[in-house]
Amino acid sequence: MRICFVTGGSLGDFADGYEGERADIVCCSFQALGKVSYERELKGETNLFEDVALLSKEQKNVVVCGCYTDARGIRRKSVVVAERGRILGVTDMVNRLDGGEYRSGAGIKIFDTSAGKLGVVVAEDLYFPQVMQTLSVCGAEVALCIFEELSESLEQTLMKAEAFLYGIPVCVCAFGYAQAADIAGKLSFASPKSPCIYDLKREQEYHLVEMRQRGFYRRKRGTF
């Protein structure tokens, strides 16, 4: 699975100027689209989602792009996913920290694409391990996290830990930097270049995990 990370510049700049290797997935951080108003999109005043779909059609691949959506004043951090000219859907950050300006959305999504089953993690949802656990249990082959700006080491530590704990490769695309971790919890890719290409190795490994706990009590039935 070849992934092209776009960590700087607008989506239009990338579409007009990119002449590098073709990838299965183009992954863009929030600066690529910026603010998207659903109302203006529906009225035809803007065509930002259409631009994402057109890029996926031109590149003949999957495009995953972060944005800030506005639904009549309700602002969310979101990610739009398109494949070969068709919008597959939009997913929102599901956890809101300390009453921040961006509201929480509903539902964690996996997109079944020609490149594989892509689990999408939006921004600070990376801080909540249950999001990655849900993607793993539901069959995601890779987790793509679209982030804003990385701190010194926190997001990299979480990325590696969650890849190890839940058995799926994790890629983070942020402003100015892209990185990835394999299922062994090791950093497998990191680059400040934009765009940059990463060849992701698909890995799936399963183990039987057993534990004892209290609860689930059932009375023994008597004999007849």
C-alpha atoms as a PDB file:
ATOM      1  CA  MET A   1       0.000   0.000   0.000  1.00  0.00           C
ATOM      2  CA  ARG A   2       1.692   3.181  -1.187  1.00  0.00           C
ATOM      3  CA  ILE A   3       0.720   6.380   0.653  1.00  0.00           C
ATOM      4  CA  CYS A   4       1.528   9.933  -0.430  1.00  0.00           C
ATOM      5  CA  PHE A   5       1.485  12.372   2.509  1.00  0.00           C
ATOM      6  CA  VAL A   6       0.769  16.039   1.790  1.00  0.00           C
ATOM      7  CA  THR A   7       1.804  18.005   4.867  1.00  0.00           C
ATOM      8  CA  GLY A   8       1.979  21.507   3.409  1.00  0.00           C
ATOM      9  CA  GLY A   9       0.170  23.705   0.893  1.00  0.00           C
ATOM     10  CA  SER A  10      -3.378  23.577  -0.418  1.00  0.00           C
ATOM     11  CA  LEU A  11      -5.065  20.706  -2.212  1.00  0.00           C
ATOM     12  CA  GLY A  12      -5.082  22.790  -5.400  1.00  0.00           C
ATOM     13  CA  ASP A  13      -1.335  23.391  -5.203  1.00  0.00           C
ATOM     14  CA  PHE A  14      -0.727  19.670  -4.866  1.00  0.00           C
ATOM     15  CA  ALA A  15      -3.104  18.767  -7.721  1.00  0.00           C
ATOM     16  CA  ASP A  16      -1.522  21.300 -10.082  1.00  0.00           C
ATOM     17  CA  GLY A  17       2.123  20.730  -9.250  1.00  0.00           C
ATOM     18  CA  TYR A  18       2.586  17.077  -8.319  1.00  0.00           C
ATOM     19  CA  GLU A  19       4.546  15.030 -10.844  1.00  0.00           C
ATOM     20  CA  GLY A  20       5.929  12.315  -8.561  1.00  0.00           C
ATOM     21  CA  GLU A  21       5.087   8.652  -8.103  1.00  0.00           C
ATOM     22  CA  ARG A  22       1.449   7.650  -8.099  1.00  0.00           C
ATOM     23  CA  ALA A  23       0.157   6.273  -4.799  1.00  0.00           C
ATOM     24  CA  ASP A  24      -2.761   4.136  -3.690  1.00  0.00           C
ATOM     25  CA  ILE A  25      -3.721   6.794  -1.120  1.00  0.00           C
ATOM     26  CA  VAL A  26      -3.154  10.548  -0.991  1.00  0.00           C
ATOM     27  CA  CYS A  27      -3.333  11.708   2.625  1.00  0.00           C
ATOM     28  CA  CYS A  28      -3.629  15.457   3.342  1.00  0.00           C
ATOM     29  CA  SER A  29      -3.616  17.375   6.608  1.00  0.00           C
ATOM     30  CA  PHE A  30      -6.040  20.144   7.578  1.00  0.00           C
ATOM     31  CA  GLN A  31      -4.291  22.926   5.679  1.00  0.00           C
ATOM     32  CA  ALA A  32      -5.173  21.309   2.341  1.00  0.00           C
ATOM     33  CA  LEU A  33      -8.874  22.297   2.460  1.00  0.00           C
ATOM     34  CA  GLY A  34      -9.148  24.572   5.482  1.00  0.00           C
ATOM     35  CA  LYS A  35     -12.709  25.645   6.338  1.00  0.00           C
ATOM     36  CA  VAL A  36     -15.665  24.015   4.608  1.00  0.00           C
ATOM     37  CA  SER A  37     -19.242  25.302   5.010  1.00  0.00           C
ATOM     38  CA  TYR A  38     -21.845  22.624   4.289  1.00  0.00           C
ATOM     39  CA  GLU A  39     -24.384  25.318   3.480  1.00  0.00           C
ATOM     40  CA  ARG A  40     -22.141  26.992   0.901  1.00  0.00           C
ATOM     41  CA  GLU A  41     -21.184  23.606  -0.559  1.00  0.00           C
ATOM     42  CA  LEU A  42     -24.860  22.684  -1.039  1.00  0.00           C
ATOM     43  CA  LYS A  43     -25.620  26.063  -2.627  1.00  0.00           C
ATOM     44  CA  GLY A  44     -22.736  25.629  -5.056  1.00  0.00           C
ATOM     45  CA  GLU A  45     -20.891  28.684  -3.766  1.00  0.00           C
ATOM     46  CA  THR A  46     -17.844  26.520  -3.011  1.00  0.00           C
ATOM     47  CA  ASN A  47     -16.732  23.167  -4.412  1.00  0.00           C
ATOM     48  CA  LEU A  48     -14.084  21.980  -1.968  1.00  0.00           C
ATOM     49  CA  PHE A  49     -15.470  18.456  -1.587  1.00  0.00           C
ATOM     50  CA  GLU A  50     -15.780  18.250  -5.364  1.00  0.00           C
ATOM     51  CA  ASP A  51     -12.080  19.129  -5.622  1.00  0.00           C
ATOM     52  CA  VAL A  52     -11.256  16.146  -3.399  1.00  0.00           C
ATOM     53  CA  ALA A  53     -13.386  13.865  -5.574  1.00  0.00           C
ATOM     54  CA  LEU A  54     -11.820  15.208  -8.790  1.00  0.00           C
ATOM     55  CA  LEU A  55      -8.303  14.647  -7.470  1.00  0.00           C
ATOM     56  CA  SER A  56      -9.161  11.043  -6.609  1.00  0.00           C
ATOM     57  CA  LYS A  57     -10.534  10.633 -10.138  1.00  0.00           C
ATOM     58  CA  GLU A  58      -7.451  12.136 -11.781  1.00  0.00           C
ATOM     59  CA  GLN A  59      -5.058  10.129  -9.612  1.00  0.00           C
ATOM     60  CA  LYS A  60      -7.229   6.989  -9.845  1.00  0.00           C
ATOM     61  CA  ASN A  61      -6.833   6.358  -6.141  1.00  0.00           C
ATOM     62  CA  VAL A  62      -8.154   7.221  -2.682  1.00  0.00           C
ATOM     63  CA  VAL A  63      -7.848  10.735  -1.253  1.00  0.00           C
ATOM     64  CA  VAL A  64      -8.126  11.332   2.509  1.00  0.00           C
ATOM     65  CA  CYS A  65      -8.241  15.002   3.453  1.00  0.00           C
ATOM     66  CA  GLY A  66      -8.676  16.902   6.713  1.00  0.00           C
ATOM     67  CA  CYS A  67     -10.868  20.000   7.000  1.00  0.00           C
ATOM     68  CA  TYR A  68     -12.817  22.189   9.435  1.00  0.00           C
ATOM     69  CA  THR A  69     -16.508  21.755   8.706  1.00  0.00           C
ATOM     70  CA  ASP A  70     -19.241  24.241   9.601  1.00  0.00           C
ATOM     71  CA  ALA A  71     -22.864  23.088   9.801  1.00  0.00           C
ATOM     72  CA  ARG A  72     -24.889  26.246  10.564  1.00  0.00           C
ATOM     73  CA  GLY A  73     -22.427  27.437  13.170  1.00  0.00           C
ATOM     74  CA  ILE A  74     -21.547  24.003  14.569  1.00  0.00           C
ATOM     75  CA  ARG A  75     -17.843  23.570  13.830  1.00  0.00           C
ATOM     76  CA  ARG A  76     -16.085  20.221  13.760  1.00  0.00           C
ATOM     77  CA  LYS A  77     -12.723  18.756  12.842  1.00  0.00           C
ATOM     78  CA  SER A  78     -13.483  16.378   9.998  1.00  0.00           C
ATOM     79  CA  VAL A  79     -11.944  14.167   7.335  1.00  0.00           C
ATOM     80  CA  VAL A  80     -13.424  13.615   3.880  1.00  0.00           C
ATOM     81  CA  VAL A  81     -12.627  10.430   1.933  1.00  0.00           C
ATOM     82  CA  ALA A  82     -13.035  10.030  -1.826  1.00  0.00           C
ATOM     83  CA  GLU A  83     -12.202   7.258  -4.272  1.00  0.00           C
ATOM     84  CA  ARG A  84     -11.943   7.484  -8.058  1.00  0.00           C
ATOM     85  CA  GLY A  85     -14.254  10.487  -8.340  1.00  0.00           C
ATOM     86  CA  ARG A  86     -16.777   9.530  -5.661  1.00  0.00           C
ATOM     87  CA  ILE A  87     -17.120  10.894  -2.120  1.00  0.00           C
ATOM     88  CA  LEU A  88     -17.242   7.901   0.230  1.00  0.00           C
ATOM     89  CA  GLY A  89     -18.096   9.950   3.305  1.00  0.00           C
ATOM     90  CA  VAL A  90     -17.080  12.428   5.975  1.00  0.00           C
ATOM     91  CA  THR A  91     -16.091  11.450   9.503  1.00  0.00           C
ATOM     92  CA  ASP A  92     -15.733  13.785  12.504  1.00  0.00           C
ATOM     93  CA  MET A  93     -13.618  13.859  15.649  1.00  0.00           C
ATOM     94  CA  VAL A  94     -15.710  12.058  18.282  1.00  0.00           C
ATOM     95  CA  ASN A  95     -14.022  13.357  21.452  1.00  0.00           C
ATOM     96  CA  ARG A  96     -14.133  16.991  22.562  1.00  0.00           C
ATOM     97  CA  LEU A  97     -11.504  18.127  25.059  1.00  0.00           C
ATOM     98  CA  ASP A  98     -12.348  20.631  27.809  1.00  0.00           C
ATOM     99  CA  GLY A  99     -15.156  22.335  25.925  1.00  0.00           C
ATOM    100  CA  GLY A 100     -13.005  23.292  22.939  1.00  0.00           C
ATOM    101  CA  GLU A 101     -14.353  25.294  20.028  1.00  0.00           C
ATOM    102  CA  TYR A 102     -14.823  22.216  17.827  1.00  0.00           C
ATOM    103  CA  ARG A 103     -17.810  20.023  18.669  1.00  0.00           C
ATOM    104  CA  SER A 104     -17.744  16.243  18.769  1.00  0.00           C
ATOM    105  CA  GLY A 105     -19.240  14.175  15.998  1.00  0.00           C
ATOM    106  CA  ALA A 106     -20.864  10.756  16.118  1.00  0.00           C
ATOM    107  CA  GLY A 107     -19.435   7.434  15.057  1.00  0.00           C
ATOM    108  CA  ILE A 108     -16.038   6.014  14.147  1.00  0.00           C
ATOM    109  CA  LYS A 109     -15.726   5.029  10.499  1.00  0.00           C
ATOM    110  CA  ILE A 110     -13.868   2.476   8.415  1.00  0.00           C
ATOM    111  CA  PHE A 111     -13.859   3.005   4.651  1.00  0.00           C
ATOM    112  CA  ASP A 112     -13.732  -0.101   2.470  1.00  0.00           C
ATOM    113  CA  THR A 113     -11.650   0.966  -0.535  1.00  0.00           C
ATOM    114  CA  SER A 114      -9.627  -0.568  -3.351  1.00  0.00           C
ATOM    115  CA  ALA A 115      -6.526   0.179  -1.251  1.00  0.00           C
ATOM    116  CA  GLY A 116      -7.894  -1.727   1.746  1.00  0.00           C
ATOM    117  CA  LYS A 117     -10.035  -1.079   4.801  1.00  0.00           C
ATOM    118  CA  LEU A 118      -8.996   2.352   6.036  1.00  0.00           C
ATOM    119  CA  GLY A 119      -9.753   3.385   9.599  1.00  0.00           C
ATOM    120  CA  VAL A 120      -9.743   7.173  10.045  1.00  0.00           C
ATOM    121  CA  VAL A 121      -8.696   8.878  13.288  1.00  0.00           C
ATOM    122  CA  VAL A 122      -9.464  12.608  13.438  1.00  0.00           C
ATOM    123  CA  ALA A 123      -7.040  14.891  15.311  1.00  0.00           C
ATOM    124  CA  GLU A 124      -7.194  14.514  19.122  1.00  0.00           C
ATOM    125  CA  ASP A 125      -9.057  11.204  18.844  1.00  0.00           C
ATOM    126  CA  LEU A 126      -5.506   9.812  18.778  1.00  0.00           C
ATOM    127  CA  TYR A 127      -5.427  10.565  22.521  1.00  0.00           C
ATOM    128  CA  PHE A 128      -8.273   8.100  23.154  1.00  0.00           C
ATOM    129  CA  PRO A 129      -7.109   4.468  22.807  1.00  0.00           C
ATOM    130  CA  GLN A 130     -10.687   3.175  22.549  1.00  0.00           C
ATOM    131  CA  VAL A 131     -10.907   4.749  19.087  1.00  0.00           C
ATOM    132  CA  MET A 132      -7.968   2.693  17.819  1.00  0.00           C
ATOM    133  CA  GLN A 133      -9.285  -0.393  19.610  1.00  0.00           C
ATOM    134  CA  THR A 134     -12.635  -0.011  17.850  1.00  0.00           C
ATOM    135  CA  LEU A 135     -10.960   0.269  14.450  1.00  0.00           C
ATOM    136  CA  SER A 136      -8.896  -2.851  15.157  1.00  0.00           C
ATOM    137  CA  VAL A 137     -11.843  -4.935  16.369  1.00  0.00           C
ATOM    138  CA  CYS A 138     -13.912  -3.873  13.343  1.00  0.00           C
ATOM    139  CA  GLY A 139     -11.269  -4.988  10.835  1.00  0.00           C
ATOM    140  CA  ALA A 140      -9.341  -1.897   9.743  1.00  0.00           C
ATOM    141  CA  GLU A 141      -6.110  -2.787   7.933  1.00  0.00           C
ATOM    142  CA  VAL A 142      -4.470   0.570   8.655  1.00  0.00           C
ATOM    143  CA  ALA A 143      -5.323   3.614  10.774  1.00  0.00           C
ATOM    144  CA  LEU A 144      -4.820   7.029   9.172  1.00  0.00           C
ATOM    145  CA  CYS A 145      -4.717   9.883  11.662  1.00  0.00           C
ATOM    146  CA  ILE A 146      -5.140  13.406  10.278  1.00  0.00           C
ATOM    147  CA  PHE A 147      -3.646  15.784  12.822  1.00  0.00           C
ATOM    148  CA  GLU A 148      -2.963  19.515  13.049  1.00  0.00           C
ATOM    149  CA  GLU A 149       0.471  20.282  14.472  1.00  0.00           C
ATOM    150  CA  LEU A 150       2.499  17.686  16.374  1.00  0.00           C
ATOM    151  CA  SER A 151       4.055  18.240  19.787  1.00  0.00           C
ATOM    152  CA  GLU A 152       7.646  17.219  20.465  1.00  0.00           C
ATOM    153  CA  SER A 153       7.037  13.511  21.090  1.00  0.00           C
ATOM    154  CA  LEU A 154       3.565  12.838  22.541  1.00  0.00           C
ATOM    155  CA  GLU A 155       1.754  11.864  19.329  1.00  0.00           C
ATOM    156  CA  GLN A 156       4.643   9.679  18.174  1.00  0.00           C
ATOM    157  CA  THR A 157       4.643   7.817  21.497  1.00  0.00           C
ATOM    158  CA  LEU A 158       0.882   7.256  21.330  1.00  0.00           C
ATOM    159  CA  MET A 159       1.050   6.203  17.687  1.00  0.00           C
ATOM    160  CA  LYS A 160       3.658   3.521  18.402  1.00  0.00           C
ATOM    161  CA  ALA A 161       1.918   2.279  21.553  1.00  0.00           C
ATOM    162  CA  GLU A 162      -1.491   1.966  19.884  1.00  0.00           C
ATOM    163  CA  ALA A 163      -0.051   0.227  16.813  1.00  0.00           C
ATOM    164  CA  PHE A 164       1.543  -2.348  19.136  1.00  0.00           C
ATOM    165  CA  LEU A 165      -1.471  -2.780  21.433  1.00  0.00           C
ATOM    166  CA  TYR A 166      -4.126  -3.098  18.738  1.00  0.00           C
ATOM    167  CA  GLY A 167      -2.168  -4.721  15.919  1.00  0.00           C
ATOM    168  CA  ILE A 168      -2.726  -2.265  13.071  1.00  0.00           C
ATOM    169  CA  PRO A 169      -0.191   0.051  11.412  1.00  0.00           C
ATOM    170  CA  VAL A 170      -0.817   3.696  12.324  1.00  0.00           C
ATOM    171  CA  CYS A 171       0.044   6.646  10.066  1.00  0.00           C
ATOM    172  CA  VAL A 172      -0.114  10.278  11.175  1.00  0.00           C
ATOM    173  CA  CYS A 173      -0.311  13.133   8.665  1.00  0.00           C
ATOM    174  CA  ALA A 174       0.114  16.546  10.285  1.00  0.00           C
ATOM    175  CA  PHE A 175       1.129  20.040   9.253  1.00  0.00           C
ATOM    176  CA  GLY A 176       4.817  19.881   8.345  1.00  0.00           C
ATOM    177  CA  TYR A 177       5.397  16.231   9.255  1.00  0.00           C
ATOM    178  CA  ALA A 178       4.298  12.672   8.484  1.00  0.00           C
ATOM    179  CA  GLN A 179       5.116   9.501  10.394  1.00  0.00           C
ATOM    180  CA  ALA A 180       4.078   5.872  10.724  1.00  0.00           C
ATOM    181  CA  ALA A 181       4.421   2.977  13.158  1.00  0.00           C
ATOM    182  CA  ASP A 182       4.279  -0.766  12.509  1.00  0.00           C
ATOM    183  CA  ILE A 183       2.516  -3.397  14.613  1.00  0.00           C
ATOM    184  CA  ALA A 184       5.740  -4.048  16.553  1.00  0.00           C
ATOM    185  CA  GLY A 185       5.429  -0.515  17.930  1.00  0.00           C
ATOM    186  CA  LYS A 186       8.441   0.747  16.017  1.00  0.00           C
ATOM    187  CA  LEU A 187       8.739   3.945  14.008  1.00  0.00           C
ATOM    188  CA  SER A 188       8.738   2.766  10.393  1.00  0.00           C
ATOM    189  CA  PHE A 189       8.598   6.133   8.611  1.00  0.00           C
ATOM    190  CA  ALA A 190       9.059   9.823   9.355  1.00  0.00           C
ATOM    191  CA  SER A 191       9.558  12.788   7.052  1.00  0.00           C
ATOM    192  CA  PRO A 192       9.193  16.594   7.075  1.00  0.00           C
ATOM    193  CA  LYS A 193       9.012  16.681   3.256  1.00  0.00           C
ATOM    194  CA  SER A 194       5.798  17.461   1.402  1.00  0.00           C
ATOM    195  CA  PRO A 195       4.767  15.498  -0.491  1.00  0.00           C
ATOM    196  CA  CYS A 196       6.489  12.300   0.630  1.00  0.00           C
ATOM    197  CA  ILE A 197       5.899   8.654  -0.244  1.00  0.00           C
ATOM    198  CA  TYR A 198       5.683   5.704   2.144  1.00  0.00           C
ATOM    199  CA  ASP A 199       5.270   2.049   1.155  1.00  0.00           C
ATOM    200  CA  LEU A 200       3.229   0.502   3.942  1.00  0.00           C
ATOM    201  CA  LYS A 201       3.627  -3.195   4.582  1.00  0.00           C
ATOM    202  CA  ARG A 202       0.329  -4.839   5.459  1.00  0.00           C
ATOM    203  CA  GLU A 203       0.649  -6.930   8.593  1.00  0.00           C
ATOM    204  CA  GLN A 204      -1.960  -8.851  10.530  1.00  0.00           C
ATOM    205  CA  GLU A 205      -1.156 -11.030  13.502  1.00  0.00           C
ATOM    206  CA  TYR A 206      -3.610 -12.620  15.920  1.00  0.00           C
ATOM    207  CA  HIS A 207      -3.099 -14.060  19.390  1.00  0.00           C
ATOM    208  CA  LEU A 208      -5.345 -15.878  21.836  1.00  0.00           C
ATOM    209  CA  VAL A 209      -5.709 -13.724  24.959  1.00  0.00           C
ATOM    210  CA  GLU A 210      -7.327 -15.259  28.036  1.00  0.00           C
ATOM    211  CA  MET A 211      -8.134 -13.786  31.432  1.00  0.00           C
ATOM    212  CA  ARG A 212     -10.134 -14.550  34.565  1.00  0.00           C
ATOM    213  CA  GLN A 213     -12.567 -12.057  36.066  1.00  0.00           C
ATOM    214  CA  ARG A 214     -15.545 -11.905  38.339  1.00  0.00           C
ATOM    215  CA  GLY A 215     -19.063 -11.454  37.038  1.00  0.00           C
ATOM    216  CA  PHE A 216     -21.354 -13.084  34.488  1.00  0.00           C
ATOM    217  CA  TYR A 217     -22.829 -15.255  37.255  1.00  0.00           C
ATOM    218  CA  ARG A 218     -25.278 -17.998  36.223  1.00  0.00           C
ATOM    219  CA  ARG A 219     -27.027 -20.355  38.584  1.00  0.00           C
ATOM    220  CA  LYS A 220     -26.551 -24.012  37.884  1.00  0.00           C
ATOM    221  CA  ARG A 221     -29.731 -25.614  36.685  1.00  0.00           C
ATOM    222  CA  GLY A 222     -31.094 -28.523  38.599  1.00  0.00           C
ATOM    223  CA  THR A 223     -31.491 -31.939  37.072  1.00  0.00           C
ATOM    224  CA  PHE A 224     -34.856 -33.060  35.752  1.00  0.00           C
END
